[in-house]
Amino acid sequence: MDILKIALAEDHPMLRKSLVAFLSLKNNIQVVVQAENGQELLDKLKTSKVDIVILDIQMPVLDGIATLKQLKSDYPNSKVIMFSTWYSNHTVTKLKKMGANACVSKSEPEKLLDSIYSLS
């Protein structure tokens, strides 16, 4: 299996570092882009090719929803996992209509891996 290249946008440094460490435990996953907000992510994606983007919804500068819109405009085939603390059915439906491939709660990190593998 090829290495899955991941981009991660998460504004909380501790959670971002923890997620990178968690994902790095898998031999076939490599976090190649880390960003504190959506704008930083979009800037870094101009020079980095990734397989999957993991996006926090609530971030400063450019939040996950605005970033999702821009990602789908700039990279229509991008695979995106929205990662947040809470989802309503309405929010999940809205995000999927916007192009998100999956929505995962931060309280269920094991589902993050399931989503990554299902998109690969």
PDB file of N, CA and C in Angstrom:
ATOM      1  N   MET A   1       0.840  -1.189   0.000  1.00  0.00           N
ATOM      2  CA  MET A   1       0.000   0.000   0.000  1.00  0.00           C
ATOM      3  C   MET A   1       0.882   1.247   0.000  1.00  0.00           C
ATOM      4  N   ASP A   2       0.502   2.212  -0.823  1.00  0.00           N
ATOM      5  CA  ASP A   2       1.241   3.466  -0.894  1.00  0.00           C
ATOM      6  C   ASP A   2       1.065   4.270   0.387  1.00  0.00           C
ATOM      7  N   ILE A   3       1.996   5.186   0.608  1.00  0.00           N
ATOM      8  CA  ILE A   3       1.897   6.102   1.741  1.00  0.00           C
ATOM      9  C   ILE A   3       0.785   7.107   1.465  1.00  0.00           C
ATOM     10  N   LEU A   4      -0.112   7.288   2.419  1.00  0.00           N
ATOM     11  CA  LEU A   4      -1.177   8.289   2.313  1.00  0.00           C
ATOM     12  C   LEU A   4      -0.643   9.609   2.854  1.00  0.00           C
ATOM     13  N   LYS A   5      -0.662  10.626   2.014  1.00  0.00           N
ATOM     14  CA  LYS A   5      -0.173  11.939   2.424  1.00  0.00           C
ATOM     15  C   LYS A   5      -1.359  12.761   2.905  1.00  0.00           C
ATOM     16  N   ILE A   6      -1.217  13.251   4.137  1.00  0.00           N
ATOM     17  CA  ILE A   6      -2.303  13.952   4.817  1.00  0.00           C
ATOM     18  C   ILE A   6      -1.925  15.414   5.050  1.00  0.00           C
ATOM     19  N   ALA A   7      -2.926  16.286   4.875  1.00  0.00           N
ATOM     20  CA  ALA A   7      -2.806  17.695   5.287  1.00  0.00           C
ATOM     21  C   ALA A   7      -3.759  17.884   6.458  1.00  0.00           C
ATOM     22  N   LEU A   8      -3.299  18.550   7.492  1.00  0.00           N
ATOM     23  CA  LEU A   8      -4.091  18.750   8.702  1.00  0.00           C
ATOM     24  C   LEU A   8      -4.154  20.224   9.052  1.00  0.00           C
ATOM     25  N   ALA A   9      -5.379  20.753   9.164  1.00  0.00           N
ATOM     26  CA  ALA A   9      -5.581  22.134   9.613  1.00  0.00           C
ATOM     27  C   ALA A   9      -6.330  22.084  10.939  1.00  0.00           C
ATOM     28  N   GLU A  10      -5.649  22.472  11.989  1.00  0.00           N
ATOM     29  CA  GLU A  10      -6.189  22.455  13.354  1.00  0.00           C
ATOM     30  C   GLU A  10      -5.513  23.581  14.118  1.00  0.00           C
ATOM     31  N   ASP A  11      -6.310  24.473  14.721  1.00  0.00           N
ATOM     32  CA  ASP A  11      -5.727  25.649  15.366  1.00  0.00           C
ATOM     33  C   ASP A  11      -5.176  25.399  16.768  1.00  0.00           C
ATOM     34  N   HIS A  12      -5.581  24.339  17.430  1.00  0.00           N
ATOM     35  CA  HIS A  12      -5.064  24.066  18.776  1.00  0.00           C
ATOM     36  C   HIS A  12      -3.758  23.280  18.680  1.00  0.00           C
ATOM     37  N   PRO A  13      -2.628  23.885  19.060  1.00  0.00           N
ATOM     38  CA  PRO A  13      -1.319  23.238  18.890  1.00  0.00           C
ATOM     39  C   PRO A  13      -1.226  21.852  19.535  1.00  0.00           C
ATOM     40  N   MET A  14      -1.749  21.699  20.742  1.00  0.00           N
ATOM     41  CA  MET A  14      -1.649  20.410  21.439  1.00  0.00           C
ATOM     42  C   MET A  14      -2.409  19.327  20.678  1.00  0.00           C
ATOM     43  N   LEU A  15      -3.602  19.644  20.220  1.00  0.00           N
ATOM     44  CA  LEU A  15      -4.390  18.660  19.486  1.00  0.00           C
ATOM     45  C   LEU A  15      -3.733  18.362  18.140  1.00  0.00           C
ATOM     46  N   ARG A  16      -3.226  19.383  17.469  1.00  0.00           N
ATOM     47  CA  ARG A  16      -2.567  19.176  16.174  1.00  0.00           C
ATOM     48  C   ARG A  16      -1.366  18.246  16.338  1.00  0.00           C
ATOM     49  N   LYS A  17      -0.534  18.526  17.331  1.00  0.00           N
ATOM     50  CA  LYS A  17       0.648  17.680  17.565  1.00  0.00           C
ATOM     51  C   LYS A  17       0.247  16.266  17.958  1.00  0.00           C
ATOM     52  N   SER A  18      -0.796  16.141  18.751  1.00  0.00           N
ATOM     53  CA  SER A  18      -1.277  14.812  19.155  1.00  0.00           C
ATOM     54  C   SER A  18      -1.801  14.020  17.961  1.00  0.00           C
ATOM     55  N   LEU A  19      -2.534  14.697  17.098  1.00  0.00           N
ATOM     56  CA  LEU A  19      -3.054  14.033  15.899  1.00  0.00           C
ATOM     57  C   LEU A  19      -1.925  13.586  14.973  1.00  0.00           C
ATOM     58  N   VAL A  20      -0.932  14.435  14.807  1.00  0.00           N
ATOM     59  CA  VAL A  20       0.215  14.067  13.972  1.00  0.00           C
ATOM     60  C   VAL A  20       0.901  12.834  14.564  1.00  0.00           C
ATOM     61  N   ALA A  21       1.102  12.830  15.874  1.00  0.00           N
ATOM     62  CA  ALA A  21       1.737  11.677  16.527  1.00  0.00           C
ATOM     63  C   ALA A  21       0.874  10.422  16.373  1.00  0.00           C
ATOM     64  N   PHE A  22      -0.424  10.557  16.579  1.00  0.00           N
ATOM     65  CA  PHE A  22      -1.367   9.443  16.452  1.00  0.00           C
ATOM     66  C   PHE A  22      -1.338   8.872  15.030  1.00  0.00           C
ATOM     67  N   LEU A  23      -1.442   9.736  14.034  1.00  0.00           N
ATOM     68  CA  LEU A  23      -1.461   9.276  12.640  1.00  0.00           C
ATOM     69  C   LEU A  23      -0.110   8.707  12.217  1.00  0.00           C
ATOM     70  N   SER A  24       0.964   9.231  12.782  1.00  0.00           N
ATOM     71  CA  SER A  24       2.305   8.771  12.427  1.00  0.00           C
ATOM     72  C   SER A  24       2.607   7.368  12.947  1.00  0.00           C
ATOM     73  N   LEU A  25       1.794   6.870  13.853  1.00  0.00           N
ATOM     74  CA  LEU A  25       1.970   5.499  14.340  1.00  0.00           C
ATOM     75  C   LEU A  25       1.668   4.474  13.252  1.00  0.00           C
ATOM     76  N   LYS A  26       0.924   4.902  12.244  1.00  0.00           N
ATOM     77  CA  LYS A  26       0.594   4.025  11.120  1.00  0.00           C
ATOM     78  C   LYS A  26       1.688   4.145  10.070  1.00  0.00           C
ATOM     79  N   ASN A  27       2.211   3.012   9.620  1.00  0.00           N
ATOM     80  CA  ASN A  27       3.316   3.017   8.656  1.00  0.00           C
ATOM     81  C   ASN A  27       2.939   3.608   7.307  1.00  0.00           C
ATOM     82  N   ASN A  28       1.653   3.577   6.967  1.00  0.00           N
ATOM     83  CA  ASN A  28       1.242   4.020   5.642  1.00  0.00           C
ATOM     84  C   ASN A  28       0.583   5.399   5.640  1.00  0.00           C
ATOM     85  N   ILE A  29       0.731   6.153   6.735  1.00  0.00           N
ATOM     86  CA  ILE A  29       0.185   7.508   6.811  1.00  0.00           C
ATOM     87  C   ILE A  29       1.305   8.476   7.158  1.00  0.00           C
ATOM     88  N   GLN A  30       1.368   9.572   6.408  1.00  0.00           N
ATOM     89  CA  GLN A  30       2.355  10.609   6.685  1.00  0.00           C
ATOM     90  C   GLN A  30       1.666  11.967   6.617  1.00  0.00           C
ATOM     91  N   VAL A  31       1.760  12.736   7.696  1.00  0.00           N
ATOM     92  CA  VAL A  31       1.218  14.097   7.698  1.00  0.00           C
ATOM     93  C   VAL A  31       2.290  14.989   7.077  1.00  0.00           C
ATOM     94  N   VAL A  32       2.014  15.477   5.873  1.00  0.00           N
ATOM     95  CA  VAL A  32       3.014  16.257   5.133  1.00  0.00           C
ATOM     96  C   VAL A  32       2.754  17.762   5.202  1.00  0.00           C
ATOM     97  N   VAL A  33       1.531  18.149   5.620  1.00  0.00           N
ATOM     98  CA  VAL A  33       1.192  19.566   5.770  1.00  0.00           C
ATOM     99  C   VAL A  33       0.473  19.737   7.098  1.00  0.00           C
ATOM    100  N   GLN A  34       0.949  20.705   7.877  1.00  0.00           N
ATOM    101  CA  GLN A  34       0.268  21.098   9.114  1.00  0.00           C
ATOM    102  C   GLN A  34       0.001  22.595   9.042  1.00  0.00           C
ATOM    103  N   ALA A  35      -1.210  22.978   9.469  1.00  0.00           N
ATOM    104  CA  ALA A  35      -1.575  24.392   9.420  1.00  0.00           C
ATOM    105  C   ALA A  35      -2.421  24.753  10.627  1.00  0.00           C
ATOM    106  N   GLU A  36      -2.312  26.029  11.039  1.00  0.00           N
ATOM    107  CA  GLU A  36      -3.086  26.539  12.175  1.00  0.00           C
ATOM    108  C   GLU A  36      -4.450  27.057  11.760  1.00  0.00           C
ATOM    109  N   ASN A  37      -4.627  27.297  10.460  1.00  0.00           N
ATOM    110  CA  ASN A  37      -5.896  27.826   9.967  1.00  0.00           C
ATOM    111  C   ASN A  37      -6.030  27.496   8.480  1.00  0.00           C
ATOM    112  N   GLY A  38      -7.199  27.773   7.958  1.00  0.00           N
ATOM    113  CA  GLY A  38      -7.473  27.433   6.576  1.00  0.00           C
ATOM    114  C   GLY A  38      -6.612  28.163   5.569  1.00  0.00           C
ATOM    115  N   GLN A  39      -6.323  29.435   5.824  1.00  0.00           N
ATOM    116  CA  GLN A  39      -5.497  30.193   4.887  1.00  0.00           C
ATOM    117  C   GLN A  39      -4.092  29.617   4.803  1.00  0.00           C
ATOM    118  N   GLU A  40      -3.524  29.276   5.954  1.00  0.00           N
ATOM    119  CA  GLU A  40      -2.191  28.673   5.963  1.00  0.00           C
ATOM    120  C   GLU A  40      -2.213  27.337   5.213  1.00  0.00           C
ATOM    121  N   LEU A  41      -3.262  26.563   5.394  1.00  0.00           N
ATOM    122  CA  LEU A  41      -3.404  25.295   4.688  1.00  0.00           C
ATOM    123  C   LEU A  41      -3.425  25.522   3.179  1.00  0.00           C
ATOM    124  N   LEU A  42      -4.277  26.428   2.722  1.00  0.00           N
ATOM    125  CA  LEU A  42      -4.384  26.699   1.280  1.00  0.00           C
ATOM    126  C   LEU A  42      -3.052  27.167   0.697  1.00  0.00           C
ATOM    127  N   ASP A  43      -2.331  27.998   1.451  1.00  0.00           N
ATOM    128  CA  ASP A  43      -1.018  28.465   0.992  1.00  0.00           C
ATOM    129  C   ASP A  43      -0.043  27.291   0.850  1.00  0.00           C
ATOM    130  N   LYS A  44      -0.043  26.401   1.821  1.00  0.00           N
ATOM    131  CA  LYS A  44       0.893  25.262   1.794  1.00  0.00           C
ATOM    132  C   LYS A  44       0.515  24.240   0.725  1.00  0.00           C
ATOM    133  N   LEU A  45      -0.768  24.116   0.420  1.00  0.00           N
ATOM    134  CA  LEU A  45      -1.194  23.153  -0.598  1.00  0.00           C
ATOM    135  C   LEU A  45      -0.752  23.556  -2.009  1.00  0.00           C
ATOM    136  N   LYS A  46      -0.372  24.808  -2.178  1.00  0.00           N
ATOM    137  CA  LYS A  46       0.113  25.252  -3.493  1.00  0.00           C
ATOM    138  C   LYS A  46       1.422  24.555  -3.862  1.00  0.00           C
ATOM    139  N   THR A  47       2.160  24.095  -2.849  1.00  0.00           N
ATOM    140  CA  THR A  47       3.463  23.462  -3.101  1.00  0.00           C
ATOM    141  C   THR A  47       3.542  22.027  -2.588  1.00  0.00           C
ATOM    142  N   SER A  48       2.440  21.484  -2.096  1.00  0.00           N
ATOM    143  CA  SER A  48       2.442  20.116  -1.565  1.00  0.00           C
ATOM    144  C   SER A  48       1.254  19.338  -2.107  1.00  0.00           C
ATOM    145  N   LYS A  49       1.511  18.128  -2.557  1.00  0.00           N
ATOM    146  CA  LYS A  49       0.428  17.268  -3.028  1.00  0.00           C
ATOM    147  C   LYS A  49       0.036  16.340  -1.883  1.00  0.00           C
ATOM    148  N   VAL A  50      -1.266  16.290  -1.609  1.00  0.00           N
ATOM    149  CA  VAL A  50      -1.754  15.426  -0.531  1.00  0.00           C
ATOM    150  C   VAL A  50      -2.900  14.564  -1.052  1.00  0.00           C
ATOM    151  N   ASP A  51      -3.143  13.472  -0.339  1.00  0.00           N
ATOM    152  CA  ASP A  51      -4.239  12.573  -0.688  1.00  0.00           C
ATOM    153  C   ASP A  51      -5.535  12.949   0.028  1.00  0.00           C
ATOM    154  N   ILE A  52      -5.401  13.378   1.285  1.00  0.00           N
ATOM    155  CA  ILE A  52      -6.571  13.669   2.115  1.00  0.00           C
ATOM    156  C   ILE A  52      -6.288  14.907   2.965  1.00  0.00           C
ATOM    157  N   VAL A  53      -7.311  15.747   3.105  1.00  0.00           N
ATOM    158  CA  VAL A  53      -7.225  16.939   3.962  1.00  0.00           C
ATOM    159  C   VAL A  53      -8.147  16.722   5.164  1.00  0.00           C
ATOM    160  N   ILE A  54      -7.615  16.966   6.354  1.00  0.00           N
ATOM    161  CA  ILE A  54      -8.414  16.925   7.584  1.00  0.00           C
ATOM    162  C   ILE A  54      -8.563  18.367   8.051  1.00  0.00           C
ATOM    163  N   LEU A  55      -9.823  18.808   8.168  1.00  0.00           N
ATOM    164  CA  LEU A  55     -10.105  20.214   8.460  1.00  0.00           C
ATOM    165  C   LEU A  55     -10.911  20.376   9.745  1.00  0.00           C
ATOM    166  N   ASP A  56     -10.382  21.144  10.668  1.00  0.00           N
ATOM    167  CA  ASP A  56     -11.165  21.584  11.819  1.00  0.00           C
ATOM    168  C   ASP A  56     -12.176  22.607  11.294  1.00  0.00           C
ATOM    169  N   ILE A  57     -13.322  22.696  11.925  1.00  0.00           N
ATOM    170  CA  ILE A  57     -14.316  23.672  11.467  1.00  0.00           C
ATOM    171  C   ILE A  57     -14.051  25.053  12.053  1.00  0.00           C
ATOM    172  N   GLN A  58     -13.833  25.116  13.357  1.00  0.00           N
ATOM    173  CA  GLN A  58     -13.659  26.420  14.007  1.00  0.00           C
ATOM    174  C   GLN A  58     -12.179  26.753  14.122  1.00  0.00           C
ATOM    175  N   MET A  59     -11.736  27.681  13.266  1.00  0.00           N
ATOM    176  CA  MET A  59     -10.350  28.149  13.267  1.00  0.00           C
ATOM    177  C   MET A  59     -10.347  29.645  12.991  1.00  0.00           C
ATOM    178  N   PRO A  60      -9.306  30.336  13.456  1.00  0.00           N
ATOM    179  CA  PRO A  60      -9.192  31.761  13.143  1.00  0.00           C
ATOM    180  C   PRO A  60      -8.759  31.963  11.687  1.00  0.00           C
ATOM    181  N   VAL A  61      -8.784  33.174  11.239  1.00  0.00           N
ATOM    182  CA  VAL A  61      -8.361  33.629   9.910  1.00  0.00           C
ATOM    183  C   VAL A  61      -9.314  33.105   8.835  1.00  0.00           C
ATOM    184  N   LEU A  62      -9.307  31.792   8.576  1.00  0.00           N
ATOM    185  CA  LEU A  62     -10.213  31.178   7.608  1.00  0.00           C
ATOM    186  C   LEU A  62     -10.702  29.870   8.220  1.00  0.00           C
ATOM    187  N   ASP A  63     -11.995  29.812   8.524  1.00  0.00           N
ATOM    188  CA  ASP A  63     -12.521  28.624   9.196  1.00  0.00           C
ATOM    189  C   ASP A  63     -12.651  27.444   8.233  1.00  0.00           C
ATOM    190  N   GLY A  64     -13.013  26.294   8.776  1.00  0.00           N
ATOM    191  CA  GLY A  64     -13.083  25.073   7.986  1.00  0.00           C
ATOM    192  C   GLY A  64     -14.125  25.101   6.891  1.00  0.00           C
ATOM    193  N   ILE A  65     -15.244  25.757   7.130  1.00  0.00           N
ATOM    194  CA  ILE A  65     -16.301  25.808   6.116  1.00  0.00           C
ATOM    195  C   ILE A  65     -15.855  26.655   4.922  1.00  0.00           C
ATOM    196  N   ALA A  66     -15.290  27.821   5.179  1.00  0.00           N
ATOM    197  CA  ALA A  66     -14.778  28.664   4.097  1.00  0.00           C
ATOM    198  C   ALA A  66     -13.617  27.974   3.380  1.00  0.00           C
ATOM    199  N   THR A  67     -12.794  27.270   4.144  1.00  0.00           N
ATOM    200  CA  THR A  67     -11.664  26.540   3.552  1.00  0.00           C
ATOM    201  C   THR A  67     -12.168  25.405   2.664  1.00  0.00           C
ATOM    202  N   LEU A  68     -13.204  24.700   3.117  1.00  0.00           N
ATOM    203  CA  LEU A  68     -13.794  23.623   2.314  1.00  0.00           C
ATOM    204  C   LEU A  68     -14.277  24.171   0.970  1.00  0.00           C
ATOM    205  N   LYS A  69     -14.970  25.304   1.006  1.00  0.00           N
ATOM    206  CA  LYS A  69     -15.448  25.923  -0.237  1.00  0.00           C
ATOM    207  C   LYS A  69     -14.290  26.219  -1.184  1.00  0.00           C
ATOM    208  N   GLN A  70     -13.227  26.811  -0.653  1.00  0.00           N
ATOM    209  CA  GLN A  70     -12.075  27.168  -1.478  1.00  0.00           C
ATOM    210  C   GLN A  70     -11.351  25.927  -1.989  1.00  0.00           C
ATOM    211  N   LEU A  71     -11.207  24.924  -1.120  1.00  0.00           N
ATOM    212  CA  LEU A  71     -10.562  23.665  -1.525  1.00  0.00           C
ATOM    213  C   LEU A  71     -11.295  23.029  -2.699  1.00  0.00           C
ATOM    214  N   LYS A  72     -12.607  22.959  -2.605  1.00  0.00           N
ATOM    215  CA  LYS A  72     -13.397  22.318  -3.648  1.00  0.00           C
ATOM    216  C   LYS A  72     -13.390  23.140  -4.937  1.00  0.00           C
ATOM    217  N   SER A  73     -13.162  24.432  -4.818  1.00  0.00           N
ATOM    218  CA  SER A  73     -13.031  25.282  -5.993  1.00  0.00           C
ATOM    219  C   SER A  73     -11.663  25.077  -6.650  1.00  0.00           C
ATOM    220  N   ASP A  74     -10.601  25.115  -5.838  1.00  0.00           N
ATOM    221  CA  ASP A  74      -9.231  25.003  -6.348  1.00  0.00           C
ATOM    222  C   ASP A  74      -8.829  23.567  -6.686  1.00  0.00           C
ATOM    223  N   TYR A  75      -9.319  22.618  -5.893  1.00  0.00           N
ATOM    224  CA  TYR A  75      -8.964  21.204  -6.049  1.00  0.00           C
ATOM    225  C   TYR A  75     -10.249  20.373  -5.989  1.00  0.00           C
ATOM    226  N   PRO A  76     -11.028  20.362  -7.065  1.00  0.00           N
ATOM    227  CA  PRO A  76     -12.359  19.736  -7.029  1.00  0.00           C
ATOM    228  C   PRO A  76     -12.359  18.250  -6.656  1.00  0.00           C
ATOM    229  N   ASN A  77     -11.257  17.559  -6.902  1.00  0.00           N
ATOM    230  CA  ASN A  77     -11.199  16.133  -6.576  1.00  0.00           C
ATOM    231  C   ASN A  77     -10.606  15.849  -5.200  1.00  0.00           C
ATOM    232  N   SER A  78     -10.357  16.901  -4.423  1.00  0.00           N
ATOM    233  CA  SER A  78      -9.752  16.695  -3.108  1.00  0.00           C
ATOM    234  C   SER A  78     -10.689  15.912  -2.198  1.00  0.00           C
ATOM    235  N   LYS A  79     -10.079  15.089  -1.358  1.00  0.00           N
ATOM    236  CA  LYS A  79     -10.823  14.304  -0.369  1.00  0.00           C
ATOM    237  C   LYS A  79     -10.674  15.010   0.976  1.00  0.00           C
ATOM    238  N   VAL A  80     -11.804  15.340   1.580  1.00  0.00           N
ATOM    239  CA  VAL A  80     -11.783  16.172   2.782  1.00  0.00           C
ATOM    240  C   VAL A  80     -12.572  15.515   3.908  1.00  0.00           C
ATOM    241  N   ILE A  81     -11.930  15.457   5.078  1.00  0.00           N
ATOM    242  CA  ILE A  81     -12.590  14.994   6.293  1.00  0.00           C
ATOM    243  C   ILE A  81     -12.745  16.199   7.208  1.00  0.00           C
ATOM    244  N   MET A  82     -13.976  16.523   7.552  1.00  0.00           N
ATOM    245  CA  MET A  82     -14.234  17.602   8.507  1.00  0.00           C
ATOM    246  C   MET A  82     -14.113  17.010   9.902  1.00  0.00           C
ATOM    247  N   PHE A  83     -13.431  17.731  10.783  1.00  0.00           N
ATOM    248  CA  PHE A  83     -13.082  17.210  12.110  1.00  0.00           C
ATOM    249  C   PHE A  83     -13.468  18.263  13.134  1.00  0.00           C
ATOM    250  N   SER A  84     -14.485  17.961  13.951  1.00  0.00           N
ATOM    251  CA  SER A  84     -14.990  18.954  14.891  1.00  0.00           C
ATOM    252  C   SER A  84     -15.442  18.287  16.179  1.00  0.00           C
ATOM    253  N   THR A  85     -15.771  19.113  17.164  1.00  0.00           N
ATOM    254  CA  THR A  85     -16.191  18.564  18.452  1.00  0.00           C
ATOM    255  C   THR A  85     -17.642  18.134  18.458  1.00  0.00           C
ATOM    256  N   TRP A  86     -18.442  18.711  17.549  1.00  0.00           N
ATOM    257  CA  TRP A  86     -19.881  18.426  17.598  1.00  0.00           C
ATOM    258  C   TRP A  86     -20.493  18.598  16.227  1.00  0.00           C
ATOM    259  N   TYR A  87     -21.408  17.709  15.905  1.00  0.00           N
ATOM    260  CA  TYR A  87     -22.131  17.792  14.644  1.00  0.00           C
ATOM    261  C   TYR A  87     -23.613  17.573  14.866  1.00  0.00           C
ATOM    262  N   SER A  88     -24.421  18.367  14.210  1.00  0.00           N
ATOM    263  CA  SER A  88     -25.849  18.069  14.120  1.00  0.00           C
ATOM    264  C   SER A  88     -26.048  17.384  12.773  1.00  0.00           C
ATOM    265  N   ASN A  89     -27.158  16.685  12.613  1.00  0.00           N
ATOM    266  CA  ASN A  89     -27.451  16.049  11.325  1.00  0.00           C
ATOM    267  C   ASN A  89     -27.510  17.096  10.221  1.00  0.00           C
ATOM    268  N   HIS A  90     -28.062  18.269  10.546  1.00  0.00           N
ATOM    269  CA  HIS A  90     -28.160  19.357   9.581  1.00  0.00           C
ATOM    270  C   HIS A  90     -26.763  19.787   9.106  1.00  0.00           C
ATOM    271  N   THR A  91     -25.825  19.925  10.050  1.00  0.00           N
ATOM    272  CA  THR A  91     -24.467  20.358   9.709  1.00  0.00           C
ATOM    273  C   THR A  91     -23.777  19.326   8.828  1.00  0.00           C
ATOM    274  N   VAL A  92     -23.916  18.052   9.169  1.00  0.00           N
ATOM    275  CA  VAL A  92     -23.295  16.990   8.370  1.00  0.00           C
ATOM    276  C   VAL A  92     -23.848  17.017   6.945  1.00  0.00           C
ATOM    277  N   THR A  93     -25.153  17.138   6.825  1.00  0.00           N
ATOM    278  CA  THR A  93     -25.789  17.194   5.499  1.00  0.00           C
ATOM    279  C   THR A  93     -25.252  18.386   4.708  1.00  0.00           C
ATOM    280  N   LYS A  94     -25.165  19.544   5.357  1.00  0.00           N
ATOM    281  CA  LYS A  94     -24.665  20.758   4.704  1.00  0.00           C
ATOM    282  C   LYS A  94     -23.220  20.576   4.232  1.00  0.00           C
ATOM    283  N   LEU A  95     -22.368  20.032   5.103  1.00  0.00           N
ATOM    284  CA  LEU A  95     -20.959  19.854   4.767  1.00  0.00           C
ATOM    285  C   LEU A  95     -20.777  18.856   3.625  1.00  0.00           C
ATOM    286  N   LYS A  96     -21.570  17.797   3.634  1.00  0.00           N
ATOM    287  CA  LYS A  96     -21.461  16.796   2.555  1.00  0.00           C
ATOM    288  C   LYS A  96     -21.929  17.386   1.226  1.00  0.00           C
ATOM    289  N   LYS A  97     -22.961  18.228   1.266  1.00  0.00           N
ATOM    290  CA  LYS A  97     -23.407  18.895   0.038  1.00  0.00           C
ATOM    291  C   LYS A  97     -22.330  19.837  -0.492  1.00  0.00           C
ATOM    292  N   MET A  98     -21.536  20.379   0.403  1.00  0.00           N
ATOM    293  CA  MET A  98     -20.451  21.285   0.018  1.00  0.00           C
ATOM    294  C   MET A  98     -19.233  20.519  -0.507  1.00  0.00           C
ATOM    295  N   GLY A  99     -19.218  19.197  -0.324  1.00  0.00           N
ATOM    296  CA  GLY A  99     -18.111  18.405  -0.858  1.00  0.00           C
ATOM    297  C   GLY A  99     -17.284  17.652   0.154  1.00  0.00           C
ATOM    298  N   ALA A 100     -17.602  17.772   1.447  1.00  0.00           N
ATOM    299  CA  ALA A 100     -16.870  16.992   2.446  1.00  0.00           C
ATOM    300  C   ALA A 100     -17.152  15.508   2.219  1.00  0.00           C
ATOM    301  N   ASN A 101     -16.113  14.701   2.313  1.00  0.00           N
ATOM    302  CA  ASN A 101     -16.273  13.259   2.124  1.00  0.00           C
ATOM    303  C   ASN A 101     -16.671  12.556   3.410  1.00  0.00           C
ATOM    304  N   ALA A 102     -16.313  13.148   4.548  1.00  0.00           N
ATOM    305  CA  ALA A 102     -16.637  12.550   5.841  1.00  0.00           C
ATOM    306  C   ALA A 102     -16.641  13.632   6.905  1.00  0.00           C
ATOM    307  N   CYS A 103     -17.381  13.371   7.982  1.00  0.00           N
ATOM    308  CA  CYS A 103     -17.406  14.247   9.153  1.00  0.00           C
ATOM    309  C   CYS A 103     -17.137  13.369  10.364  1.00  0.00           C
ATOM    310  N   VAL A 104     -16.103  13.727  11.127  1.00  0.00           N
ATOM    311  CA  VAL A 104     -15.689  12.919  12.272  1.00  0.00           C
ATOM    312  C   VAL A 104     -15.624  13.799  13.507  1.00  0.00           C
ATOM    313  N   SER A 105     -16.157  13.277  14.600  1.00  0.00           N
ATOM    314  CA  SER A 105     -16.113  13.993  15.870  1.00  0.00           C
ATOM    315  C   SER A 105     -14.731  13.840  16.516  1.00  0.00           C
ATOM    316  N   LYS A 106     -14.250  14.910  17.119  1.00  0.00           N
ATOM    317  CA  LYS A 106     -12.960  14.848  17.812  1.00  0.00           C
ATOM    318  C   LYS A 106     -12.994  13.889  18.991  1.00  0.00           C
ATOM    319  N   SER A 107     -14.180  13.558  19.469  1.00  0.00           N
ATOM    320  CA  SER A 107     -14.287  12.623  20.594  1.00  0.00           C
ATOM    321  C   SER A 107     -14.170  11.165  20.145  1.00  0.00           C
ATOM    322  N   GLU A 108     -14.064  10.934  18.823  1.00  0.00           N
ATOM    323  CA  GLU A 108     -13.961   9.573  18.303  1.00  0.00           C
ATOM    324  C   GLU A 108     -12.793   9.440  17.319  1.00  0.00           C
ATOM    325  N   PRO A 109     -11.547   9.598  17.809  1.00  0.00           N
ATOM    326  CA  PRO A 109     -10.389   9.596  16.900  1.00  0.00           C
ATOM    327  C   PRO A 109     -10.225   8.291  16.120  1.00  0.00           C
ATOM    328  N   GLU A 110     -10.703   7.179  16.663  1.00  0.00           N
ATOM    329  CA  GLU A 110     -10.584   5.917  15.917  1.00  0.00           C
ATOM    330  C   GLU A 110     -11.392   5.974  14.619  1.00  0.00           C
ATOM    331  N   LYS A 111     -12.468   6.755  14.606  1.00  0.00           N
ATOM    332  CA  LYS A 111     -13.259   6.915  13.378  1.00  0.00           C
ATOM    333  C   LYS A 111     -12.512   7.750  12.346  1.00  0.00           C
ATOM    334  N   LEU A 112     -11.572   8.546  12.805  1.00  0.00           N
ATOM    335  CA  LEU A 112     -10.744   9.309  11.875  1.00  0.00           C
ATOM    336  C   LEU A 112      -9.940   8.361  11.006  1.00  0.00           C
ATOM    337  N   LEU A 113      -9.310   7.371  11.616  1.00  0.00           N
ATOM    338  CA  LEU A 113      -8.561   6.379  10.848  1.00  0.00           C
ATOM    339  C   LEU A 113      -9.464   5.622   9.891  1.00  0.00           C
ATOM    340  N   ASP A 114     -10.643   5.224  10.356  1.00  0.00           N
ATOM    341  CA  ASP A 114     -11.601   4.534   9.483  1.00  0.00           C
ATOM    342  C   ASP A 114     -11.924   5.393   8.262  1.00  0.00           C
ATOM    343  N   SER A 115     -12.147   6.689   8.490  1.00  0.00           N
ATOM    344  CA  SER A 115     -12.477   7.595   7.387  1.00  0.00           C
ATOM    345  C   SER A 115     -11.303   7.747   6.425  1.00  0.00           C
ATOM    346  N   ILE A 116     -10.105   7.866   6.969  1.00  0.00           N
ATOM    347  CA  ILE A 116      -8.915   7.997   6.117  1.00  0.00           C
ATOM    348  C   ILE A 116      -8.797   6.771   5.216  1.00  0.00           C
ATOM    349  N   TYR A 117      -8.897   5.602   5.811  1.00  0.00           N
ATOM    350  CA  TYR A 117      -8.735   4.366   5.034  1.00  0.00           C
ATOM    351  C   TYR A 117      -9.872   4.167   4.040  1.00  0.00           C
ATOM    352  N   SER A 118     -11.069   4.577   4.389  1.00  0.00           N
ATOM    353  CA  SER A 118     -12.185   4.406   3.459  1.00  0.00           C
ATOM    354  C   SER A 118     -12.060   5.342   2.249  1.00  0.00           C
ATOM    355  N   LEU A 119     -11.338   6.455   2.410  1.00  0.00           N
ATOM    356  CA  LEU A 119     -11.147   7.397   1.303  1.00  0.00           C
ATOM    357  C   LEU A 119      -9.923   7.078   0.451  1.00  0.00           C
ATOM    358  N   SER A 120      -9.067   6.207   0.946  1.00  0.00           N
ATOM    359  CA  SER A 120      -7.817   5.935   0.211  1.00  0.00           C
ATOM    360  C   SER A 120      -8.014   4.964  -0.926  1.00  0.00           C
TER     361      SER A 120
END
